[in-house]
Amino acid sequence: MYKKPVEDLLKASGVDLSNGGGFEELEQLQEYLSEYKIVVFDGLNPDRVMFSGNSLSCKKLYLLYNADTRHYNVITNIKAAMAKKYMCNACDILYDFTHKCDKAFSLCTATPPCTKYQSKYCGTCNRWFLSERIPFRTI
């Protein structure tokens, strides 16, 4: 059913899986699928990210690696698969209650974090804002 699209993807990306796939092949796929960030979990353990692509994209492709079968499976619902309520989009940590991330801005969880150098002045209300994305938060 999915054989042809997968073959087309592998051919277009230059990835050869005839001898199996590992980190090198994941890096090749990440480079080709640059509009996505590939994140691979080692089993159903939410604390074991074994590969996290270098893309800054908010669109993510989650894979689950099964060490027994040496096979990667696509995860369509990451929170359900890992039995967690929340996921930090900045660092790919899954959690149930609270999580403080140094990779996202603390007020709005923007990734990458806003800086004071991105601040904007509003002449109408005579206030400074951290960015255009979060006008309700003042400096």
Protein backbone atom coordinates (compact mmCIF):
# COMPACT_ATOMS: atom_id res chain seq x y z
CA MET A 1 0.00 0.00 0.00
CA TYR A 2 2.72 2.52 0.98
CA LYS A 3 5.58 0.85 -0.86
CA LYS A 4 5.66 3.18 -3.89
CA PRO A 5 5.61 6.51 -1.96
CA VAL A 6 8.32 5.23 0.38
CA GLU A 7 10.46 4.06 -2.55
CA ASP A 8 10.01 7.47 -4.19
CA LEU A 9 11.06 9.25 -0.98
CA LEU A 10 14.15 7.08 -0.56
CA LYS A 11 15.15 7.57 -4.18
CA ALA A 12 14.66 11.35 -4.06
CA SER A 13 16.60 11.66 -0.78
CA GLY A 14 19.40 9.33 -1.85
CA VAL A 15 18.89 7.07 1.17
CA ASP A 16 19.78 3.41 0.66
CA LEU A 17 18.15 1.04 3.14
CA SER A 18 19.27 -2.19 1.48
CA ASN A 19 21.52 -2.87 4.51
CA GLY A 20 19.15 -1.34 7.08
CA GLY A 21 19.07 2.18 8.41
CA GLY A 22 20.75 4.04 11.23
CA PHE A 23 21.81 7.54 12.22
CA GLU A 24 23.52 8.25 8.90
CA GLU A 25 20.33 7.46 7.00
CA LEU A 26 18.25 9.49 9.48
CA GLU A 27 20.56 12.46 8.93
CA GLN A 28 20.17 12.09 5.15
CA LEU A 29 16.39 11.99 5.51
CA GLN A 30 16.49 15.00 7.85
CA GLU A 31 18.49 16.94 5.31
CA TYR A 32 16.03 16.07 2.54
CA LEU A 33 12.92 16.67 4.69
CA SER A 34 14.20 20.00 6.00
CA GLU A 35 10.67 21.35 6.44
CA TYR A 36 10.24 18.75 9.21
CA LYS A 37 12.18 17.90 12.34
CA ILE A 38 12.69 14.15 12.73
CA VAL A 39 12.59 12.93 16.34
CA VAL A 40 13.27 9.26 17.17
CA PHE A 41 12.38 7.74 20.52
CA ASP A 42 14.07 4.60 21.81
CA GLY A 43 11.06 2.46 22.65
CA LEU A 44 8.04 3.77 24.51
CA ASN A 45 10.18 5.71 26.94
CA PRO A 46 9.46 9.46 26.65
CA ASP A 47 12.82 10.32 28.21
CA ARG A 48 14.90 8.51 25.60
CA VAL A 49 15.23 10.63 22.47
CA MET A 50 17.88 8.87 20.44
CA PHE A 51 17.80 11.21 17.43
CA SER A 52 16.62 14.78 17.11
CA GLY A 53 17.14 16.44 13.76
CA ASN A 54 18.72 19.86 13.51
CA SER A 55 15.72 21.48 11.82
CA LEU A 56 14.01 24.33 13.69
CA SER A 57 10.69 23.47 12.07
CA CYS A 58 7.55 23.24 14.18
CA LYS A 59 6.40 20.40 11.92
CA LYS A 60 7.72 17.17 13.36
CA LEU A 61 7.97 13.57 12.24
CA TYR A 62 8.06 11.23 15.23
CA LEU A 63 9.49 7.74 14.96
CA LEU A 64 9.66 4.93 17.49
CA TYR A 65 12.67 2.63 17.32
CA ASN A 66 12.11 -0.96 18.40
CA ALA A 67 15.50 -2.45 19.36
CA ASP A 68 14.15 -6.02 19.33
CA THR A 69 13.01 -5.88 15.70
CA ARG A 70 15.47 -3.12 14.68
CA HIS A 71 12.57 -1.33 13.01
CA TYR A 72 11.29 2.26 13.00
CA ASN A 73 7.56 2.94 13.33
CA VAL A 74 5.79 6.24 12.68
CA ILE A 75 4.09 7.78 15.71
CA THR A 76 0.96 9.66 14.65
CA ASN A 77 -0.04 10.78 18.15
CA ILE A 78 3.06 11.27 20.27
CA LYS A 79 1.29 12.17 23.52
CA ALA A 80 -0.99 9.13 23.33
CA ALA A 81 1.89 6.80 22.41
CA MET A 82 3.94 7.97 25.38
CA ALA A 83 0.94 8.32 27.73
CA LYS A 84 1.76 11.95 28.53
CA LYS A 85 -0.49 15.02 28.66
CA TYR A 86 1.88 17.64 27.25
CA MET A 87 4.90 18.02 25.01
CA CYS A 88 7.41 20.85 24.89
CA ASN A 89 7.82 21.77 21.22
CA ALA A 90 11.19 23.36 21.89
CA CYS A 91 13.04 20.39 23.42
CA ASP A 92 10.72 17.41 22.66
CA ILE A 93 10.25 16.56 26.35
CA LEU A 94 6.95 14.90 27.25
CA TYR A 95 5.47 15.62 30.67
CA ASP A 96 2.28 15.47 32.73
CA PHE A 97 2.43 18.50 35.01
CA THR A 98 5.11 21.18 34.64
CA HIS A 99 8.22 21.66 32.56
CA LYS A 100 10.60 24.62 32.46
CA CYS A 101 12.45 24.84 29.17
CA ASP A 102 15.51 26.97 28.53
CA LYS A 103 15.04 26.59 24.76
CA ALA A 104 11.70 28.45 24.68
CA PHE A 105 10.68 31.90 25.88
CA SER A 106 9.17 31.66 29.35
CA LEU A 107 6.14 33.89 28.73
CA CYS A 108 4.82 32.53 25.45
CA THR A 109 6.96 29.42 24.79
CA ALA A 110 8.12 30.91 21.48
CA THR A 111 10.84 28.87 19.80
CA PRO A 112 13.48 30.17 19.37
CA PRO A 113 13.04 32.45 22.39
CA CYS A 114 12.28 36.13 21.89
CA THR A 115 14.94 38.58 22.98
CA LYS A 116 14.69 42.14 24.19
CA TYR A 117 16.37 43.12 20.92
CA GLN A 118 13.19 42.00 19.12
CA SER A 119 11.02 44.31 21.26
CA LYS A 120 8.51 46.59 19.55
CA TYR A 121 7.23 49.96 20.64
CA CYS A 122 3.51 50.75 20.33
CA GLY A 123 2.87 54.48 19.95
CA THR A 124 -0.86 53.99 20.50
CA CYS A 125 -0.55 52.63 24.03
CA ASN A 126 2.95 54.03 24.70
CA ARG A 127 4.37 50.63 25.74
CA TRP A 128 7.15 48.25 24.71
CA PHE A 129 6.31 44.65 23.81
CA LEU A 130 8.66 41.66 23.57
CA SER A 131 7.66 40.92 19.98
CA GLU A 132 4.81 41.24 17.50
CA ARG A 133 3.84 37.64 18.33
CA ILE A 134 2.96 38.44 21.94
CA PRO A 135 1.60 41.98 22.20
CA PHE A 136 -0.19 41.19 25.46
CA ARG A 137 3.10 40.78 27.36
CA THR A 138 5.03 43.90 28.23
CA ILE A 139 8.66 44.34 29.18
